[in-house]
């Protein structure tokens, strides 16, 4: 009987240990967003300044695996700005800041990443733009060892949280430098030809170029592998009221890969200037060796404001623990367009 009770007690705390040490002792992996297209600075530093306005501000809140005992919480905040020059109207510089905070597991394993990004965009002609981007910043990773449980806390009959664990960690909090690089091509339609909303972004980004160490134990040699991201984000204007919106990304981090692809329909309820209203609905699927998730997403566009919501339906081997509820994701994005004097006016050529 004691053996059965003891086994059940171990199983009770197994998920917490797996969630923590799966990230510590194995190779650390990055967080992901289902609405990655609404967090462009997490995809490629070369997407800094690639918007129709002068300033872009946005954020995402993601809650993953709420049905499990230890859900994940992820927050993204980002902002970027163009710096136009009158002397060189065919190119411009942009700068941005990107913050991602993630917390997971019973031990509150936290990862905070803050990056500054800069980009150079060259206008090749009215419809084609090339951008090169860089990012630099730091990351911090920590956890609370007091919230972990170990077999030493089993007294032979029950789990006793007051028993000593006899476990030590060299460090429970460390910081590391982080760097990224990327390229982006923007192609867009001709407004005169009735394709003023048609556009496509196609690019490549790489993060963690220095592969910083991620070990909490001195003898561990775990490093954060380079994350490579390939993506395309097309919008096709069908007529004055309708657009087809697509997205696809392939991300690789060491031996781990992820593919996310989907499409949606955007309907413009009002196209009058300063009163634009549109609604968008779509589906995506995230592929990896274990399946992962079907994603339903919706967006509301009002002038320069975009609010998006998505829900993951888990289809992987973890679905029994999550009851197939991968979790919700909420995004907000706002664009600011400055009003300039006519003598200094330069309209942004991006749509």
C-alpha atoms as a PDB file:
ATOM      1  CA  UNK A   1       0.000   0.000   0.000  1.00  0.00           C
ATOM      2  CA  UNK A   2       2.840   2.385   0.875  1.00  0.00           C
ATOM      3  CA  UNK A   3       4.458   1.625  -2.475  1.00  0.00           C
ATOM      4  CA  UNK A   4       1.285   2.628  -4.297  1.00  0.00           C
ATOM      5  CA  UNK A   5       0.960   5.853  -2.305  1.00  0.00           C
ATOM      6  CA  UNK A   6       4.593   6.676  -2.848  1.00  0.00           C
ATOM      7  CA  UNK A   7       4.311   6.106  -6.595  1.00  0.00           C
ATOM      8  CA  UNK A   8       1.231   8.319  -6.822  1.00  0.00           C
ATOM      9  CA  UNK A   9       3.007  11.057  -4.898  1.00  0.00           C
ATOM     10  CA  UNK A  10       5.976  11.002  -7.279  1.00  0.00           C
ATOM     11  CA  UNK A  11       3.669  11.140 -10.267  1.00  0.00           C
ATOM     12  CA  UNK A  12       1.922  14.101  -8.753  1.00  0.00           C
ATOM     13  CA  UNK A  13       5.079  16.227  -8.921  1.00  0.00           C
ATOM     14  CA  UNK A  14       6.517  14.781 -12.101  1.00  0.00           C
ATOM     15  CA  UNK A  15       5.010  17.450 -14.434  1.00  0.00           C
ATOM     16  CA  UNK A  16       6.690  20.274 -12.508  1.00  0.00           C
ATOM     17  CA  UNK A  17      10.087  18.606 -12.722  1.00  0.00           C
ATOM     18  CA  UNK A  18       9.651  17.869 -16.407  1.00  0.00           C
ATOM     19  CA  UNK A  19       8.631  21.423 -17.230  1.00  0.00           C
ATOM     20  CA  UNK A  20      11.610  22.885 -15.389  1.00  0.00           C
ATOM     21  CA  UNK A  21      14.405  20.492 -16.226  1.00  0.00           C
ATOM     22  CA  UNK A  22      13.150  19.994 -19.769  1.00  0.00           C
ATOM     23  CA  UNK A  23      14.267  23.574 -20.323  1.00  0.00           C
ATOM     24  CA  UNK A  24      17.328  23.532 -18.057  1.00  0.00           C
ATOM     25  CA  UNK A  25      19.039  20.228 -18.662  1.00  0.00           C
ATOM     26  CA  UNK A  26      18.123  19.864 -22.318  1.00  0.00           C
ATOM     27  CA  UNK A  27      18.511  22.609 -24.905  1.00  0.00           C
ATOM     28  CA  UNK A  28      16.556  25.800 -24.320  1.00  0.00           C
ATOM     29  CA  UNK A  29      13.978  26.699 -26.970  1.00  0.00           C
ATOM     30  CA  UNK A  30      12.259  29.987 -27.749  1.00  0.00           C
ATOM     31  CA  UNK A  31       8.645  30.836 -27.104  1.00  0.00           C
ATOM     32  CA  UNK A  32       6.260  31.109 -30.035  1.00  0.00           C
ATOM     33  CA  UNK A  33       3.141  33.069 -30.925  1.00  0.00           C
ATOM     34  CA  UNK A  34       0.247  31.857 -33.045  1.00  0.00           C
ATOM     35  CA  UNK A  35      -0.172  35.476 -34.206  1.00  0.00           C
ATOM     36  CA  UNK A  36       3.525  35.885 -34.966  1.00  0.00           C
ATOM     37  CA  UNK A  37       2.598  38.304 -37.753  1.00  0.00           C
ATOM     38  CA  UNK A  38       1.366  40.683 -35.039  1.00  0.00           C
ATOM     39  CA  UNK A  39       4.737  40.485 -33.264  1.00  0.00           C
ATOM     40  CA  UNK A  40       7.046  41.236 -36.227  1.00  0.00           C
ATOM     41  CA  UNK A  41      10.117  42.151 -34.168  1.00  0.00           C
ATOM     42  CA  UNK A  42      10.173  38.610 -32.712  1.00  0.00           C
ATOM     43  CA  UNK A  43      10.331  37.173 -36.244  1.00  0.00           C
ATOM     44  CA  UNK A  44      12.976  39.322 -37.918  1.00  0.00           C
ATOM     45  CA  UNK A  45      14.828  42.523 -36.932  1.00  0.00           C
ATOM     46  CA  UNK A  46      14.526  43.533 -40.596  1.00  0.00           C
ATOM     47  CA  UNK A  47      10.776  43.996 -40.058  1.00  0.00           C
ATOM     48  CA  UNK A  48      11.608  47.054 -37.937  1.00  0.00           C
ATOM     49  CA  UNK A  49       9.887  50.023 -39.584  1.00  0.00           C
ATOM     50  CA  UNK A  50       7.998  47.904 -42.128  1.00  0.00           C
ATOM     51  CA  UNK A  51       4.558  49.436 -41.675  1.00  0.00           C
ATOM     52  CA  UNK A  52       2.409  52.132 -43.265  1.00  0.00           C
ATOM     53  CA  UNK A  53       2.947  54.624 -40.442  1.00  0.00           C
ATOM     54  CA  UNK A  54       5.731  56.491 -38.703  1.00  0.00           C
ATOM     55  CA  UNK A  55       5.370  54.704 -35.362  1.00  0.00           C
ATOM     56  CA  UNK A  56       3.986  51.243 -34.605  1.00  0.00           C
ATOM     57  CA  UNK A  57       3.138  50.035 -31.100  1.00  0.00           C
ATOM     58  CA  UNK A  58       1.878  46.573 -30.273  1.00  0.00           C
ATOM     59  CA  UNK A  59       1.645  43.754 -27.788  1.00  0.00           C
ATOM     60  CA  UNK A  60       0.502  40.145 -27.329  1.00  0.00           C
ATOM     61  CA  UNK A  61      -0.637  38.189 -24.294  1.00  0.00           C
ATOM     62  CA  UNK A  62      -0.590  34.399 -24.622  1.00  0.00           C
ATOM     63  CA  UNK A  63      -1.826  31.801 -22.139  1.00  0.00           C
ATOM     64  CA  UNK A  64      -0.902  28.247 -23.104  1.00  0.00           C
ATOM     65  CA  UNK A  65      -2.080  24.910 -21.720  1.00  0.00           C
ATOM     66  CA  UNK A  66      -4.509  26.349 -19.154  1.00  0.00           C
ATOM     67  CA  UNK A  67      -5.998  22.906 -18.504  1.00  0.00           C
ATOM     68  CA  UNK A  68      -2.617  21.587 -17.335  1.00  0.00           C
ATOM     69  CA  UNK A  69      -1.362  22.057 -13.777  1.00  0.00           C
ATOM     70  CA  UNK A  70       1.373  24.473 -14.850  1.00  0.00           C
ATOM     71  CA  UNK A  71       0.243  26.732 -17.714  1.00  0.00           C
ATOM     72  CA  UNK A  72       2.582  29.015 -19.652  1.00  0.00           C
ATOM     73  CA  UNK A  73       2.184  32.809 -19.675  1.00  0.00           C
ATOM     74  CA  UNK A  74       3.874  34.911 -22.353  1.00  0.00           C
ATOM     75  CA  UNK A  75       3.800  38.682 -22.878  1.00  0.00           C
ATOM     76  CA  UNK A  76       5.236  40.625 -25.801  1.00  0.00           C
ATOM     77  CA  UNK A  77       5.559  44.412 -26.087  1.00  0.00           C
ATOM     78  CA  UNK A  78       7.138  46.136 -29.073  1.00  0.00           C
ATOM     79  CA  UNK A  79       7.461  49.524 -30.734  1.00  0.00           C
ATOM     80  CA  UNK A  80       9.320  50.807 -33.779  1.00  0.00           C
ATOM     81  CA  UNK A  81       9.758  54.105 -35.623  1.00  0.00           C
ATOM     82  CA  UNK A  82      10.932  55.280 -39.028  1.00  0.00           C
ATOM     83  CA  UNK A  83      13.501  58.054 -39.408  1.00  0.00           C
ATOM     84  CA  UNK A  84      12.978  59.713 -42.796  1.00  0.00           C
ATOM     85  CA  UNK A  85      15.499  62.044 -44.386  1.00  0.00           C
ATOM     86  CA  UNK A  86      14.761  64.773 -46.924  1.00  0.00           C
ATOM     87  CA  UNK A  87      18.225  64.446 -48.464  1.00  0.00           C
ATOM     88  CA  UNK A  88      17.817  60.725 -49.257  1.00  0.00           C
ATOM     89  CA  UNK A  89      14.132  60.116 -50.029  1.00  0.00           C
ATOM     90  CA  UNK A  90      14.775  56.621 -51.444  1.00  0.00           C
ATOM     91  CA  UNK A  91      15.957  55.097 -48.185  1.00  0.00           C
ATOM     92  CA  UNK A  92      15.370  55.428 -44.477  1.00  0.00           C
ATOM     93  CA  UNK A  93      16.493  54.096 -41.127  1.00  0.00           C
ATOM     94  CA  UNK A  94      14.231  52.646 -38.441  1.00  0.00           C
ATOM     95  CA  UNK A  95      14.656  51.738 -34.802  1.00  0.00           C
ATOM     96  CA  UNK A  96      12.674  49.595 -32.402  1.00  0.00           C
ATOM     97  CA  UNK A  97      12.501  47.914 -29.020  1.00  0.00           C
ATOM     98  CA  UNK A  98      11.171  44.436 -28.340  1.00  0.00           C
ATOM     99  CA  UNK A  99      10.388  42.837 -24.949  1.00  0.00           C
ATOM    100  CA  UNK A 100       9.272  39.258 -24.341  1.00  0.00           C
ATOM    101  CA  UNK A 101       8.501  37.816 -20.903  1.00  0.00           C
ATOM    102  CA  UNK A 102       7.669  34.149 -20.398  1.00  0.00           C
ATOM    103  CA  UNK A 103       6.821  32.191 -17.231  1.00  0.00           C
ATOM    104  CA  UNK A 104       6.252  28.447 -17.067  1.00  0.00           C
ATOM    105  CA  UNK A 105       5.948  25.610 -14.604  1.00  0.00           C
ATOM    106  CA  UNK A 106       5.439  25.263 -10.862  1.00  0.00           C
ATOM    107  CA  UNK A 107       8.933  26.634 -10.237  1.00  0.00           C
ATOM    108  CA  UNK A 108       8.096  29.829 -12.182  1.00  0.00           C
ATOM    109  CA  UNK A 109      10.842  29.360 -14.745  1.00  0.00           C
ATOM    110  CA  UNK A 110      11.067  32.878 -16.196  1.00  0.00           C
ATOM    111  CA  UNK A 111      12.730  34.186 -19.322  1.00  0.00           C
ATOM    112  CA  UNK A 112      12.918  37.915 -20.067  1.00  0.00           C
ATOM    113  CA  UNK A 113      14.370  39.161 -23.337  1.00  0.00           C
ATOM    114  CA  UNK A 114      14.891  42.826 -24.265  1.00  0.00           C
ATOM    115  CA  UNK A 115      16.258  43.740 -27.693  1.00  0.00           C
ATOM    116  CA  UNK A 116      16.932  47.002 -29.503  1.00  0.00           C
ATOM    117  CA  UNK A 117      16.690  46.732 -33.283  1.00  0.00           C
ATOM    118  CA  UNK A 118      17.714  48.894 -36.204  1.00  0.00           C
ATOM    119  CA  UNK A 119      17.092  48.575 -39.937  1.00  0.00           C
ATOM    120  CA  UNK A 120      18.013  50.135 -43.263  1.00  0.00           C
ATOM    121  CA  UNK A 121      15.322  50.117 -45.978  1.00  0.00           C
ATOM    122  CA  UNK A 122      16.091  50.827 -49.624  1.00  0.00           C
ATOM    123  CA  UNK A 123      13.295  51.601 -52.065  1.00  0.00           C
ATOM    124  CA  UNK A 124      14.164  49.920 -55.377  1.00  0.00           C
ATOM    125  CA  UNK A 125      11.113  51.303 -57.178  1.00  0.00           C
ATOM    126  CA  UNK A 126       7.509  52.160 -56.323  1.00  0.00           C
ATOM    127  CA  UNK A 127       6.642  48.551 -55.577  1.00  0.00           C
ATOM    128  CA  UNK A 128       9.791  46.897 -54.190  1.00  0.00           C
ATOM    129  CA  UNK A 129      11.744  47.487 -50.980  1.00  0.00           C
ATOM    130  CA  UNK A 130      14.716  45.700 -49.427  1.00  0.00           C
ATOM    131  CA  UNK A 131      15.512  45.910 -45.704  1.00  0.00           C
ATOM    132  CA  UNK A 132      18.505  44.792 -43.661  1.00  0.00           C
ATOM    133  CA  UNK A 133      18.127  44.652 -39.875  1.00  0.00           C
ATOM    134  CA  UNK A 134      20.159  44.023 -36.728  1.00  0.00           C
ATOM    135  CA  UNK A 135      19.198  43.535 -33.093  1.00  0.00           C
ATOM    136  CA  UNK A 136      21.149  43.538 -29.846  1.00  0.00           C
ATOM    137  CA  UNK A 137      20.148  43.244 -26.218  1.00  0.00           C
ATOM    138  CA  UNK A 138      20.110  40.872 -23.280  1.00  0.00           C
ATOM    139  CA  UNK A 139      18.137  38.045 -21.775  1.00  0.00           C
ATOM    140  CA  UNK A 140      17.563  36.901 -18.218  1.00  0.00           C
ATOM    141  CA  UNK A 141      16.516  33.447 -17.024  1.00  0.00           C
ATOM    142  CA  UNK A 142      15.620  32.421 -13.479  1.00  0.00           C
ATOM    143  CA  UNK A 143      13.492  30.054 -11.387  1.00  0.00           C
ATOM    144  CA  UNK A 144      12.405  29.574  -7.762  1.00  0.00           C
ATOM    145  CA  UNK A 145      13.969  26.392  -6.308  1.00  0.00           C
ATOM    146  CA  UNK A 146      11.754  26.614  -3.203  1.00  0.00           C
ATOM    147  CA  UNK A 147       8.775  25.671  -5.357  1.00  0.00           C
ATOM    148  CA  UNK A 148      10.359  22.447  -6.611  1.00  0.00           C
ATOM    149  CA  UNK A 149       9.756  19.036  -5.032  1.00  0.00           C
ATOM    150  CA  UNK A 150      12.217  16.131  -4.709  1.00  0.00           C
ATOM    151  CA  UNK A 151      12.189  12.494  -3.636  1.00  0.00           C
ATOM    152  CA  UNK A 152      14.006  13.383  -0.393  1.00  0.00           C
ATOM    153  CA  UNK A 153      10.772  14.995   0.774  1.00  0.00           C
ATOM    154  CA  UNK A 154       9.046  11.603   0.891  1.00  0.00           C
ATOM    155  CA  UNK A 155       9.166  10.422   4.519  1.00  0.00           C
ATOM    156  CA  UNK A 156       8.087   6.876   3.753  1.00  0.00           C
ATOM    157  CA  UNK A 157       4.398   7.537   4.210  1.00  0.00           C
ATOM    158  CA  UNK A 158       3.495  10.960   2.801  1.00  0.00           C
ATOM    159  CA  UNK A 159       5.070  13.904   1.035  1.00  0.00           C
ATOM    160  CA  UNK A 160       6.543  16.300   3.618  1.00  0.00           C
ATOM    161  CA  UNK A 161       7.423  19.771   2.200  1.00  0.00           C
ATOM    162  CA  UNK A 162       9.360  20.617   5.398  1.00  0.00           C
ATOM    163  CA  UNK A 163      11.978  17.900   4.877  1.00  0.00           C
ATOM    164  CA  UNK A 164      15.353  19.081   3.498  1.00  0.00           C
ATOM    165  CA  UNK A 165      15.812  18.436  -0.219  1.00  0.00           C
ATOM    166  CA  UNK A 166      19.634  18.170  -0.169  1.00  0.00           C
ATOM    167  CA  UNK A 167      19.739  19.757  -3.608  1.00  0.00           C
ATOM    168  CA  UNK A 168      21.857  22.802  -4.517  1.00  0.00           C
ATOM    169  CA  UNK A 169      22.093  24.971  -7.639  1.00  0.00           C
ATOM    170  CA  UNK A 170      25.107  27.029  -8.654  1.00  0.00           C
ATOM    171  CA  UNK A 171      22.867  29.843  -9.832  1.00  0.00           C
ATOM    172  CA  UNK A 172      19.118  30.388 -10.079  1.00  0.00           C
ATOM    173  CA  UNK A 173      19.341  33.712 -11.921  1.00  0.00           C
ATOM    174  CA  UNK A 174      21.606  34.677 -14.807  1.00  0.00           C
ATOM    175  CA  UNK A 175      21.756  37.130 -17.740  1.00  0.00           C
ATOM    176  CA  UNK A 176      23.231  36.795 -21.204  1.00  0.00           C
ATOM    177  CA  UNK A 177      23.837  38.939 -24.334  1.00  0.00           C
ATOM    178  CA  UNK A 178      21.683  38.362 -27.402  1.00  0.00           C
ATOM    179  CA  UNK A 179      22.087  39.357 -31.065  1.00  0.00           C
ATOM    180  CA  UNK A 180      20.077  38.947 -34.268  1.00  0.00           C
ATOM    181  CA  UNK A 181      20.193  39.699 -37.988  1.00  0.00           C
ATOM    182  CA  UNK A 182      17.758  39.523 -40.893  1.00  0.00           C
ATOM    183  CA  UNK A 183      16.648  40.525 -44.387  1.00  0.00           C
ATOM    184  CA  UNK A 184      13.180  41.368 -45.708  1.00  0.00           C
ATOM    185  CA  UNK A 185      11.729  42.016 -49.142  1.00  0.00           C
ATOM    186  CA  UNK A 186       8.488  43.948 -49.460  1.00  0.00           C
ATOM    187  CA  UNK A 187       6.555  43.882 -52.730  1.00  0.00           C
ATOM    188  CA  UNK A 188       3.278  45.741 -53.076  1.00  0.00           C
ATOM    189  CA  UNK A 189       0.551  46.396 -55.607  1.00  0.00           C
ATOM    190  CA  UNK A 190      -0.258  49.456 -57.643  1.00  0.00           C
ATOM    191  CA  UNK A 191      -3.026  51.684 -56.268  1.00  0.00           C
ATOM    192  CA  UNK A 192      -3.798  52.974 -59.774  1.00  0.00           C
ATOM    193  CA  UNK A 193      -4.508  49.388 -60.887  1.00  0.00           C
ATOM    194  CA  UNK A 194      -6.922  48.815 -58.001  1.00  0.00           C
ATOM    195  CA  UNK A 195      -4.443  46.724 -56.022  1.00  0.00           C
ATOM    196  CA  UNK A 196      -3.525  49.281 -53.369  1.00  0.00           C
ATOM    197  CA  UNK A 197      -3.866  46.760 -50.522  1.00  0.00           C
ATOM    198  CA  UNK A 198      -1.953  43.926 -52.211  1.00  0.00           C
ATOM    199  CA  UNK A 199       1.443  43.322 -50.627  1.00  0.00           C
ATOM    200  CA  UNK A 200       3.853  40.612 -49.538  1.00  0.00           C
ATOM    201  CA  UNK A 201       6.683  40.394 -47.025  1.00  0.00           C
ATOM    202  CA  UNK A 202       9.239  37.638 -47.549  1.00  0.00           C
ATOM    203  CA  UNK A 203      12.337  37.258 -45.422  1.00  0.00           C
ATOM    204  CA  UNK A 204      14.768  35.511 -43.155  1.00  0.00           C
ATOM    205  CA  UNK A 205      15.770  36.250 -39.558  1.00  0.00           C
ATOM    206  CA  UNK A 206      18.268  34.696 -37.152  1.00  0.00           C
ATOM    207  CA  UNK A 207      18.421  35.195 -33.384  1.00  0.00           C
ATOM    208  CA  UNK A 208      20.867  34.153 -30.613  1.00  0.00           C
ATOM    209  CA  UNK A 209      23.886  34.438 -32.924  1.00  0.00           C
ATOM    210  CA  UNK A 210      26.308  34.177 -29.987  1.00  0.00           C
ATOM    211  CA  UNK A 211      24.572  31.013 -28.692  1.00  0.00           C
ATOM    212  CA  UNK A 212      24.759  32.144 -25.038  1.00  0.00           C
ATOM    213  CA  UNK A 213      25.064  29.622 -22.209  1.00  0.00           C
ATOM    214  CA  UNK A 214      21.788  28.677 -20.496  1.00  0.00           C
ATOM    215  CA  UNK A 215      23.007  26.501 -17.620  1.00  0.00           C
ATOM    216  CA  UNK A 216      21.975  26.828 -13.984  1.00  0.00           C
ATOM    217  CA  UNK A 217      24.616  24.243 -13.020  1.00  0.00           C
ATOM    218  CA  UNK A 218      28.312  24.917 -13.472  1.00  0.00           C
ATOM    219  CA  UNK A 219      29.027  21.568 -15.118  1.00  0.00           C
ATOM    220  CA  UNK A 220      26.190  21.855 -17.611  1.00  0.00           C
ATOM    221  CA  UNK A 221      27.110  23.084 -21.101  1.00  0.00           C
ATOM    222  CA  UNK A 222      23.639  23.920 -22.390  1.00  0.00           C
ATOM    223  CA  UNK A 223      23.561  26.748 -24.929  1.00  0.00           C
ATOM    224  CA  UNK A 224      20.715  28.627 -26.565  1.00  0.00           C
ATOM    225  CA  UNK A 225      20.876  27.536 -30.234  1.00  0.00           C
ATOM    226  CA  UNK A 226      20.506  29.938 -33.138  1.00  0.00           C
ATOM    227  CA  UNK A 227      16.852  30.287 -34.123  1.00  0.00           C
ATOM    228  CA  UNK A 228      16.338  30.698 -37.873  1.00  0.00           C
ATOM    229  CA  UNK A 229      13.039  32.003 -39.183  1.00  0.00           C
ATOM    230  CA  UNK A 230      11.804  31.943 -42.796  1.00  0.00           C
ATOM    231  CA  UNK A 231       8.434  33.524 -43.478  1.00  0.00           C
ATOM    232  CA  UNK A 232       6.025  35.016 -45.973  1.00  0.00           C
ATOM    233  CA  UNK A 233       3.014  37.234 -45.239  1.00  0.00           C
ATOM    234  CA  UNK A 234       0.935  38.027 -48.350  1.00  0.00           C
ATOM    235  CA  UNK A 235      -2.244  40.108 -48.688  1.00  0.00           C
ATOM    236  CA  UNK A 236      -4.166  39.893 -51.975  1.00  0.00           C
ATOM    237  CA  UNK A 237      -6.831  42.497 -52.727  1.00  0.00           C
ATOM    238  CA  UNK A 238      -9.732  40.852 -54.552  1.00  0.00           C
ATOM    239  CA  UNK A 239     -11.924  43.937 -54.933  1.00  0.00           C
ATOM    240  CA  UNK A 240     -12.803  47.109 -53.070  1.00  0.00           C
ATOM    241  CA  UNK A 241     -14.310  45.176 -50.151  1.00  0.00           C
ATOM    242  CA  UNK A 242     -12.403  41.891 -49.946  1.00  0.00           C
ATOM    243  CA  UNK A 243      -8.847  40.657 -49.303  1.00  0.00           C
ATOM    244  CA  UNK A 244      -7.266  37.236 -48.923  1.00  0.00           C
ATOM    245  CA  UNK A 245      -4.649  37.184 -46.151  1.00  0.00           C
ATOM    246  CA  UNK A 246      -2.007  34.475 -45.832  1.00  0.00           C
ATOM    247  CA  UNK A 247       0.856  33.622 -43.511  1.00  0.00           C
ATOM    248  CA  UNK A 248       3.515  30.939 -43.389  1.00  0.00           C
ATOM    249  CA  UNK A 249       6.659  30.519 -41.343  1.00  0.00           C
ATOM    250  CA  UNK A 250       9.312  27.859 -40.940  1.00  0.00           C
ATOM    251  CA  UNK A 251      11.443  28.072 -37.801  1.00  0.00           C
ATOM    252  CA  UNK A 252      14.414  25.905 -36.922  1.00  0.00           C
ATOM    253  CA  UNK A 253      16.351  25.840 -33.671  1.00  0.00           C
ATOM    254  CA  UNK A 254      18.983  23.142 -33.633  1.00  0.00           C
ATOM    255  CA  UNK A 255      17.099  19.879 -34.366  1.00  0.00           C
ATOM    256  CA  UNK A 256      13.688  21.357 -33.476  1.00  0.00           C
ATOM    257  CA  UNK A 257      11.508  22.628 -36.301  1.00  0.00           C
ATOM    258  CA  UNK A 258       8.113  24.279 -36.533  1.00  0.00           C
ATOM    259  CA  UNK A 259       5.929  25.158 -39.492  1.00  0.00           C
ATOM    260  CA  UNK A 260       2.898  27.407 -39.150  1.00  0.00           C
ATOM    261  CA  UNK A 261       0.745  28.191 -42.159  1.00  0.00           C
ATOM    262  CA  UNK A 262      -2.729  29.587 -42.662  1.00  0.00           C
ATOM    263  CA  UNK A 263      -5.074  31.869 -44.558  1.00  0.00           C
ATOM    264  CA  UNK A 264      -7.956  34.194 -43.842  1.00  0.00           C
ATOM    265  CA  UNK A 265     -10.552  36.475 -45.350  1.00  0.00           C
ATOM    266  CA  UNK A 266     -10.704  40.212 -44.612  1.00  0.00           C
ATOM    267  CA  UNK A 267     -13.900  42.129 -45.368  1.00  0.00           C
ATOM    268  CA  UNK A 268     -13.839  45.934 -45.464  1.00  0.00           C
ATOM    269  CA  UNK A 269     -17.072  47.350 -44.065  1.00  0.00           C
ATOM    270  CA  UNK A 270     -15.998  50.954 -44.649  1.00  0.00           C
ATOM    271  CA  UNK A 271     -13.170  52.174 -46.877  1.00  0.00           C
ATOM    272  CA  UNK A 272     -13.589  55.920 -46.338  1.00  0.00           C
ATOM    273  CA  UNK A 273     -10.381  57.621 -45.257  1.00  0.00           C
ATOM    274  CA  UNK A 274     -10.007  57.919 -41.451  1.00  0.00           C
ATOM    275  CA  UNK A 275     -13.110  55.738 -41.002  1.00  0.00           C
ATOM    276  CA  UNK A 276     -11.817  52.416 -42.253  1.00  0.00           C
ATOM    277  CA  UNK A 277     -13.385  49.344 -40.659  1.00  0.00           C
ATOM    278  CA  UNK A 278     -12.623  45.724 -41.542  1.00  0.00           C
ATOM    279  CA  UNK A 279     -13.130  42.302 -39.990  1.00  0.00           C
ATOM    280  CA  UNK A 280     -10.960  39.258 -40.602  1.00  0.00           C
ATOM    281  CA  UNK A 281     -11.377  35.528 -39.942  1.00  0.00           C
ATOM    282  CA  UNK A 282      -8.988  32.687 -40.634  1.00  0.00           C
ATOM    283  CA  UNK A 283      -7.412  29.376 -39.673  1.00  0.00           C
ATOM    284  CA  UNK A 284      -3.832  28.190 -39.323  1.00  0.00           C
ATOM    285  CA  UNK A 285      -2.124  24.967 -38.398  1.00  0.00           C
ATOM    286  CA  UNK A 286       1.138  24.584 -36.515  1.00  0.00           C
ATOM    287  CA  UNK A 287       3.131  21.556 -37.635  1.00  0.00           C
ATOM    288  CA  UNK A 288       5.876  19.776 -35.748  1.00  0.00           C
ATOM    289  CA  UNK A 289       6.829  16.093 -35.362  1.00  0.00           C
ATOM    290  CA  UNK A 290       4.065  15.610 -32.754  1.00  0.00           C
ATOM    291  CA  UNK A 291       1.294  17.506 -34.604  1.00  0.00           C
ATOM    292  CA  UNK A 292       0.705  20.471 -32.256  1.00  0.00           C
ATOM    293  CA  UNK A 293      -2.334  22.738 -32.896  1.00  0.00           C
ATOM    294  CA  UNK A 294      -5.139  24.028 -35.088  1.00  0.00           C
ATOM    295  CA  UNK A 295      -5.553  27.797 -34.684  1.00  0.00           C
ATOM    296  CA  UNK A 296      -8.691  29.856 -35.224  1.00  0.00           C
ATOM    297  CA  UNK A 297      -8.112  33.613 -35.432  1.00  0.00           C
ATOM    298  CA  UNK A 298     -10.115  36.811 -35.864  1.00  0.00           C
ATOM    299  CA  UNK A 299      -9.191  40.503 -36.162  1.00  0.00           C
ATOM    300  CA  UNK A 300     -10.965  43.835 -36.025  1.00  0.00           C
ATOM    301  CA  UNK A 301      -9.418  46.741 -37.965  1.00  0.00           C
ATOM    302  CA  UNK A 302     -10.513  50.263 -37.122  1.00  0.00           C
ATOM    303  CA  UNK A 303      -8.533  53.022 -38.845  1.00  0.00           C
ATOM    304  CA  UNK A 304      -5.003  52.581 -37.404  1.00  0.00           C
ATOM    305  CA  UNK A 305      -6.008  50.150 -34.637  1.00  0.00           C
ATOM    306  CA  UNK A 306      -5.971  46.349 -34.991  1.00  0.00           C
ATOM    307  CA  UNK A 307      -7.202  43.947 -32.285  1.00  0.00           C
ATOM    308  CA  UNK A 308      -6.691  40.223 -32.812  1.00  0.00           C
ATOM    309  CA  UNK A 309      -7.753  37.100 -30.940  1.00  0.00           C
ATOM    310  CA  UNK A 310      -6.818  33.473 -31.578  1.00  0.00           C
ATOM    311  CA  UNK A 311      -7.413  30.123 -29.920  1.00  0.00           C
ATOM    312  CA  UNK A 312      -5.217  27.040 -30.159  1.00  0.00           C
ATOM    313  CA  UNK A 313      -6.873  23.618 -30.301  1.00  0.00           C
ATOM    314  CA  UNK A 314      -4.186  21.184 -29.237  1.00  0.00           C
ATOM    315  CA  UNK A 315      -3.743  18.103 -31.457  1.00  0.00           C
ATOM    316  CA  UNK A 316      -0.411  16.786 -30.151  1.00  0.00           C
ATOM    317  CA  UNK A 317       0.306  13.944 -27.725  1.00  0.00           C
ATOM    318  CA  UNK A 318      -0.138  16.440 -24.887  1.00  0.00           C
ATOM    319  CA  UNK A 319      -3.840  16.903 -25.706  1.00  0.00           C
ATOM    320  CA  UNK A 320      -5.120  14.505 -22.962  1.00  0.00           C
ATOM    321  CA  UNK A 321      -3.535  16.777 -20.318  1.00  0.00           C
ATOM    322  CA  UNK A 322      -4.851  19.977 -21.912  1.00  0.00           C
ATOM    323  CA  UNK A 323      -8.284  18.691 -22.979  1.00  0.00           C
ATOM    324  CA  UNK A 324      -7.218  19.953 -26.442  1.00  0.00           C
ATOM    325  CA  UNK A 325      -7.307  23.560 -25.208  1.00  0.00           C
ATOM    326  CA  UNK A 326      -3.942  24.991 -26.189  1.00  0.00           C
ATOM    327  CA  UNK A 327      -5.003  28.412 -25.038  1.00  0.00           C
ATOM    328  CA  UNK A 328      -5.980  31.953 -26.059  1.00  0.00           C
ATOM    329  CA  UNK A 329      -3.853  34.743 -27.502  1.00  0.00           C
ATOM    330  CA  UNK A 330      -4.792  38.433 -27.596  1.00  0.00           C
ATOM    331  CA  UNK A 331      -2.963  41.044 -29.695  1.00  0.00           C
ATOM    332  CA  UNK A 332      -3.258  44.818 -30.073  1.00  0.00           C
ATOM    333  CA  UNK A 333      -1.476  46.971 -32.641  1.00  0.00           C
ATOM    334  CA  UNK A 334      -1.663  50.702 -33.272  1.00  0.00           C
ATOM    335  CA  UNK A 335      -0.028  52.828 -35.976  1.00  0.00           C
ATOM    336  CA  UNK A 336       0.708  56.546 -35.660  1.00  0.00           C
ATOM    337  CA  UNK A 337       1.080  58.725 -38.760  1.00  0.00           C
ATOM    338  CA  UNK A 338       2.576  62.135 -38.147  1.00  0.00           C
ATOM    339  CA  UNK A 339       1.205  65.297 -39.752  1.00  0.00           C
ATOM    340  CA  UNK A 340       4.050  67.276 -41.287  1.00  0.00           C
ATOM    341  CA  UNK A 341       4.297  70.727 -42.865  1.00  0.00           C
ATOM    342  CA  UNK A 342       4.006  70.655 -46.663  1.00  0.00           C
ATOM    343  CA  UNK A 343       7.603  71.850 -47.035  1.00  0.00           C
ATOM    344  CA  UNK A 344       8.850  68.828 -45.087  1.00  0.00           C
ATOM    345  CA  UNK A 345       6.207  66.341 -46.203  1.00  0.00           C
ATOM    346  CA  UNK A 346       7.264  62.856 -47.211  1.00  0.00           C
ATOM    347  CA  UNK A 347       4.543  60.241 -47.374  1.00  0.00           C
ATOM    348  CA  UNK A 348       5.501  56.721 -46.347  1.00  0.00           C
ATOM    349  CA  UNK A 349       5.625  54.643 -49.549  1.00  0.00           C
ATOM    350  CA  UNK A 350       4.679  51.439 -47.692  1.00  0.00           C
ATOM    351  CA  UNK A 351       1.064  50.261 -47.512  1.00  0.00           C
END
